[in-house]
Amino acid sequence: MAANISKNARREGAQTLTSRWGGSIKMKSVFKNGKIRHIAVCEATGNTARKPKDLM
């Protein structure tokens, strides 16, 4: 599992993760309220979560 890899490393594409719906999970950075937030997005369904583990 990707427990020792930071959210930034996942965002750069160091690893491909698969969601429970069969799509790949991509990490994206969103600038909101003056802060950068990292979110995980399932490419098949468009579901979002704070961590990729929530989509698995």
PDB file of N, CA and C in Angstrom:
ATOM      1  N   MET A   1       0.847  -1.188   0.000  1.00  0.00           N
ATOM      2  CA  MET A   1       0.000   0.000   0.000  1.00  0.00           C
ATOM      3  C   MET A   1       0.879   1.233   0.000  1.00  0.00           C
ATOM      4  N   ALA A   2       0.317   2.374  -0.231  1.00  0.00           N
ATOM      5  CA  ALA A   2       1.056   3.614  -0.363  1.00  0.00           C
ATOM      6  C   ALA A   2       1.093   4.404   0.936  1.00  0.00           C
ATOM      7  N   ALA A   3       1.334   3.726   2.037  1.00  0.00           N
ATOM      8  CA  ALA A   3       1.264   4.394   3.335  1.00  0.00           C
ATOM      9  C   ALA A   3       2.435   5.337   3.567  1.00  0.00           C
ATOM     10  N   ASN A   4       3.587   5.050   2.993  1.00  0.00           N
ATOM     11  CA  ASN A   4       4.768   5.862   3.240  1.00  0.00           C
ATOM     12  C   ASN A   4       5.013   6.919   2.180  1.00  0.00           C
ATOM     13  N   ILE A   5       4.083   7.135   1.291  1.00  0.00           N
ATOM     14  CA  ILE A   5       4.248   8.111   0.213  1.00  0.00           C
ATOM     15  C   ILE A   5       3.380   9.316   0.524  1.00  0.00           C
ATOM     16  N   SER A   6       3.974  10.496   0.441  1.00  0.00           N
ATOM     17  CA  SER A   6       3.238  11.720   0.768  1.00  0.00           C
ATOM     18  C   SER A   6       2.213  12.048  -0.307  1.00  0.00           C
ATOM     19  N   LYS A   7       1.295  12.957   0.031  1.00  0.00           N
ATOM     20  CA  LYS A   7       0.285  13.392  -0.937  1.00  0.00           C
ATOM     21  C   LYS A   7       0.942  14.090  -2.121  1.00  0.00           C
ATOM     22  N   ASN A   8       2.014  14.814  -1.881  1.00  0.00           N
ATOM     23  CA  ASN A   8       2.710  15.491  -2.971  1.00  0.00           C
ATOM     24  C   ASN A   8       3.330  14.489  -3.935  1.00  0.00           C
ATOM     25  N   ALA A   9       3.891  13.415  -3.414  1.00  0.00           N
ATOM     26  CA  ALA A   9       4.495  12.395  -4.272  1.00  0.00           C
ATOM     27  C   ALA A   9       3.428  11.696  -5.106  1.00  0.00           C
ATOM     28  N   ARG A  10       2.257  11.471  -4.539  1.00  0.00           N
ATOM     29  CA  ARG A  10       1.174  10.850  -5.300  1.00  0.00           C
ATOM     30  C   ARG A  10       0.692  11.784  -6.395  1.00  0.00           C
ATOM     31  N   ARG A  11       0.692  13.074  -6.119  1.00  0.00           N
ATOM     32  CA  ARG A  11       0.234  14.047  -7.099  1.00  0.00           C
ATOM     33  C   ARG A  11       1.145  14.074  -8.325  1.00  0.00           C
ATOM     34  N   GLU A  12       2.417  13.832  -8.132  1.00  0.00           N
ATOM     35  CA  GLU A  12       3.372  13.880  -9.231  1.00  0.00           C
ATOM     36  C   GLU A  12       3.279  12.658 -10.133  1.00  0.00           C
ATOM     37  N   GLY A  13       2.547  11.648  -9.765  1.00  0.00           N
ATOM     38  CA  GLY A  13       2.375  10.483 -10.636  1.00  0.00           C
ATOM     39  C   GLY A  13       3.376   9.384 -10.372  1.00  0.00           C
ATOM     40  N   ALA A  14       3.935   9.337  -9.173  1.00  0.00           N
ATOM     41  CA  ALA A  14       4.907   8.296  -8.841  1.00  0.00           C
ATOM     42  C   ALA A  14       4.243   6.926  -8.741  1.00  0.00           C
ATOM     43  N   GLN A  15       2.932   6.902  -8.563  1.00  0.00           N
ATOM     44  CA  GLN A  15       2.238   5.640  -8.374  1.00  0.00           C
ATOM     45  C   GLN A  15       0.840   5.747  -8.973  1.00  0.00           C
ATOM     46  N   THR A  16       0.345   4.657  -9.553  1.00  0.00           N
ATOM     47  CA  THR A  16      -1.017   4.661 -10.068  1.00  0.00           C
ATOM     48  C   THR A  16      -1.900   3.895  -9.098  1.00  0.00           C
ATOM     49  N   LEU A  17      -2.971   4.514  -8.666  1.00  0.00           N
ATOM     50  CA  LEU A  17      -3.909   3.907  -7.735  1.00  0.00           C
ATOM     51  C   LEU A  17      -5.235   3.690  -8.444  1.00  0.00           C
ATOM     52  N   THR A  18      -5.970   2.652  -8.059  1.00  0.00           N
ATOM     53  CA  THR A  18      -7.245   2.325  -8.683  1.00  0.00           C
ATOM     54  C   THR A  18      -8.359   2.460  -7.655  1.00  0.00           C
ATOM     55  N   SER A  19      -9.444   3.109  -8.054  1.00  0.00           N
ATOM     56  CA  SER A  19     -10.574   3.289  -7.147  1.00  0.00           C
ATOM     57  C   SER A  19     -11.468   2.053  -7.153  1.00  0.00           C
ATOM     58  N   ARG A  20     -12.427   2.028  -6.239  1.00  0.00           N
ATOM     59  CA  ARG A  20     -13.344   0.881  -6.173  1.00  0.00           C
ATOM     60  C   ARG A  20     -14.285   0.835  -7.361  1.00  0.00           C
ATOM     61  N   TRP A  21     -14.388   1.926  -8.125  1.00  0.00           N
ATOM     62  CA  TRP A  21     -15.249   1.963  -9.316  1.00  0.00           C
ATOM     63  C   TRP A  21     -14.483   1.629 -10.585  1.00  0.00           C
ATOM     64  N   GLY A  22     -13.191   1.330 -10.459  1.00  0.00           N
ATOM     65  CA  GLY A  22     -12.415   0.892 -11.601  1.00  0.00           C
ATOM     66  C   GLY A  22     -11.623   1.989 -12.287  1.00  0.00           C
ATOM     67  N   GLY A  23     -11.812   3.224 -11.921  1.00  0.00           N
ATOM     68  CA  GLY A  23     -11.052   4.313 -12.537  1.00  0.00           C
ATOM     69  C   GLY A  23      -9.762   4.575 -11.783  1.00  0.00           C
ATOM     70  N   SER A  24      -8.848   5.278 -12.420  1.00  0.00           N
ATOM     71  CA  SER A  24      -7.606   5.612 -11.735  1.00  0.00           C
ATOM     72  C   SER A  24      -7.818   6.844 -10.855  1.00  0.00           C
ATOM     73  N   ILE A  25      -7.052   6.923  -9.788  1.00  0.00           N
ATOM     74  CA  ILE A  25      -7.153   8.041  -8.847  1.00  0.00           C
ATOM     75  C   ILE A  25      -6.016   9.007  -9.132  1.00  0.00           C
ATOM     76  N   LYS A  26      -6.354  10.260  -9.328  1.00  0.00           N
ATOM     77  CA  LYS A  26      -5.367  11.310  -9.563  1.00  0.00           C
ATOM     78  C   LYS A  26      -5.428  12.299  -8.415  1.00  0.00           C
ATOM     79  N   MET A  27      -4.281  12.756  -7.974  1.00  0.00           N
ATOM     80  CA  MET A  27      -4.204  13.792  -6.957  1.00  0.00           C
ATOM     81  C   MET A  27      -4.147  15.145  -7.653  1.00  0.00           C
ATOM     82  N   LYS A  28      -4.946  16.086  -7.183  1.00  0.00           N
ATOM     83  CA  LYS A  28      -4.962  17.431  -7.742  1.00  0.00           C
ATOM     84  C   LYS A  28      -4.805  18.439  -6.623  1.00  0.00           C
ATOM     85  N   SER A  29      -4.185  19.564  -6.942  1.00  0.00           N
ATOM     86  CA  SER A  29      -4.036  20.646  -5.984  1.00  0.00           C
ATOM     87  C   SER A  29      -5.029  21.737  -6.324  1.00  0.00           C
ATOM     88  N   VAL A  30      -5.745  22.220  -5.313  1.00  0.00           N
ATOM     89  CA  VAL A  30      -6.750  23.253  -5.501  1.00  0.00           C
ATOM     90  C   VAL A  30      -6.413  24.416  -4.582  1.00  0.00           C
ATOM     91  N   PHE A  31      -6.365  25.626  -5.128  1.00  0.00           N
ATOM     92  CA  PHE A  31      -6.123  26.822  -4.335  1.00  0.00           C
ATOM     93  C   PHE A  31      -7.472  27.376  -3.922  1.00  0.00           C
ATOM     94  N   LYS A  32      -7.768  27.339  -2.612  1.00  0.00           N
ATOM     95  CA  LYS A  32      -9.069  27.747  -2.108  1.00  0.00           C
ATOM     96  C   LYS A  32      -8.893  28.446  -0.770  1.00  0.00           C
ATOM     97  N   ASN A  33      -9.525  29.589  -0.615  1.00  0.00           N
ATOM     98  CA  ASN A  33      -9.462  30.377   0.615  1.00  0.00           C
ATOM     99  C   ASN A  33      -8.028  30.703   1.029  1.00  0.00           C
ATOM    100  N   GLY A  34      -7.185  30.980   0.049  1.00  0.00           N
ATOM    101  CA  GLY A  34      -5.804  31.348   0.335  1.00  0.00           C
ATOM    102  C   GLY A  34      -4.897  30.195   0.697  1.00  0.00           C
ATOM    103  N   LYS A  35      -5.345  28.958   0.527  1.00  0.00           N
ATOM    104  CA  LYS A  35      -4.545  27.787   0.866  1.00  0.00           C
ATOM    105  C   LYS A  35      -4.572  26.788  -0.279  1.00  0.00           C
ATOM    106  N   ILE A  36      -3.509  26.029  -0.385  1.00  0.00           N
ATOM    107  CA  ILE A  36      -3.472  24.941  -1.367  1.00  0.00           C
ATOM    108  C   ILE A  36      -3.946  23.673  -0.676  1.00  0.00           C
ATOM    109  N   ARG A  37      -4.910  23.014  -1.257  1.00  0.00           N
ATOM    110  CA  ARG A  37      -5.446  21.754  -0.735  1.00  0.00           C
ATOM    111  C   ARG A  37      -5.216  20.678  -1.787  1.00  0.00           C
ATOM    112  N   HIS A  38      -4.866  19.498  -1.333  1.00  0.00           N
ATOM    113  CA  HIS A  38      -4.691  18.351  -2.222  1.00  0.00           C
ATOM    114  C   HIS A  38      -5.932  17.481  -2.114  1.00  0.00           C
ATOM    115  N   ILE A  39      -6.517  17.130  -3.253  1.00  0.00           N
ATOM    116  CA  ILE A  39      -7.680  16.261  -3.255  1.00  0.00           C
ATOM    117  C   ILE A  39      -7.437  15.100  -4.211  1.00  0.00           C
ATOM    118  N   ALA A  40      -8.065  13.989  -3.909  1.00  0.00           N
ATOM    119  CA  ALA A  40      -8.007  12.807  -4.763  1.00  0.00           C
ATOM    120  C   ALA A  40      -9.281  12.774  -5.603  1.00  0.00           C
ATOM    121  N   VAL A  41      -9.130  12.514  -6.908  1.00  0.00           N
ATOM    122  CA  VAL A  41     -10.263  12.498  -7.821  1.00  0.00           C
ATOM    123  C   VAL A  41     -10.258  11.186  -8.590  1.00  0.00           C
ATOM    124  N   CYS A  42     -11.407  10.505  -8.604  1.00  0.00           N
ATOM    125  CA  CYS A  42     -11.574   9.301  -9.419  1.00  0.00           C
ATOM    126  C   CYS A  42     -11.902   9.750 -10.838  1.00  0.00           C
ATOM    127  N   GLU A  43     -11.112   9.307 -11.798  1.00  0.00           N
ATOM    128  CA  GLU A  43     -11.339   9.744 -13.177  1.00  0.00           C
ATOM    129  C   GLU A  43     -12.560   9.101 -13.809  1.00  0.00           C
ATOM    130  N   ALA A  44     -12.979   7.929 -13.333  1.00  0.00           N
ATOM    131  CA  ALA A  44     -14.133   7.255 -13.915  1.00  0.00           C
ATOM    132  C   ALA A  44     -15.445   7.923 -13.507  1.00  0.00           C
ATOM    133  N   THR A  45     -15.575   8.272 -12.227  1.00  0.00           N
ATOM    134  CA  THR A  45     -16.853   8.794 -11.741  1.00  0.00           C
ATOM    135  C   THR A  45     -16.813  10.273 -11.367  1.00  0.00           C
ATOM    136  N   GLY A  46     -15.615  10.813 -11.137  1.00  0.00           N
ATOM    137  CA  GLY A  46     -15.516  12.209 -10.724  1.00  0.00           C
ATOM    138  C   GLY A  46     -15.674  12.408  -9.223  1.00  0.00           C
ATOM    139  N   ASN A  47     -15.742  11.309  -8.457  1.00  0.00           N
ATOM    140  CA  ASN A  47     -15.829  11.417  -7.001  1.00  0.00           C
ATOM    141  C   ASN A  47     -14.539  12.013  -6.446  1.00  0.00           C
ATOM    142  N   THR A  48     -14.668  12.835  -5.390  1.00  0.00           N
ATOM    143  CA  THR A  48     -13.492  13.434  -4.778  1.00  0.00           C
ATOM    144  C   THR A  48     -13.434  13.067  -3.301  1.00  0.00           C
ATOM    145  N   ALA A  49     -12.220  13.067  -2.777  1.00  0.00           N
ATOM    146  CA  ALA A  49     -11.988  12.804  -1.353  1.00  0.00           C
ATOM    147  C   ALA A  49     -10.686  13.475  -0.960  1.00  0.00           C
ATOM    148  N   ARG A  50     -10.473  13.600   0.327  1.00  0.00           N
ATOM    149  CA  ARG A  50      -9.258  14.228   0.813  1.00  0.00           C
ATOM    150  C   ARG A  50      -8.055  13.316   0.639  1.00  0.00           C
ATOM    151  N   LYS A  51      -8.266  12.008   0.823  1.00  0.00           N
ATOM    152  CA  LYS A  51      -7.191  11.028   0.712  1.00  0.00           C
ATOM    153  C   LYS A  51      -7.558   9.981  -0.342  1.00  0.00           C
ATOM    154  N   PRO A  52      -6.584   9.454  -1.071  1.00  0.00           N
ATOM    155  CA  PRO A  52      -6.876   8.401  -2.043  1.00  0.00           C
ATOM    156  C   PRO A  52      -7.457   7.154  -1.400  1.00  0.00           C
ATOM    157  N   LYS A  53      -7.086   6.888  -0.166  1.00  0.00           N
ATOM    158  CA  LYS A  53      -7.579   5.692   0.531  1.00  0.00           C
ATOM    159  C   LYS A  53      -9.093   5.710   0.680  1.00  0.00           C
ATOM    160  N   ASP A  54      -9.684   6.919   0.753  1.00  0.00           N
ATOM    161  CA  ASP A  54     -11.138   7.028   0.882  1.00  0.00           C
ATOM    162  C   ASP A  54     -11.870   6.599  -0.380  1.00  0.00           C
ATOM    163  N   LEU A  55     -11.185   6.567  -1.513  1.00  0.00           N
ATOM    164  CA  LEU A  55     -11.802   6.175  -2.779  1.00  0.00           C
ATOM    165  C   LEU A  55     -11.544   4.700  -3.113  1.00  0.00           C
ATOM    166  N   MET A  56     -10.721   4.035  -2.336  1.00  0.00           N
ATOM    167  CA  MET A  56     -10.389   2.628  -2.629  1.00  0.00           C
ATOM    168  C   MET A  56     -11.400   1.686  -2.018  1.00  0.00           C
TER     169      MET A  56
END
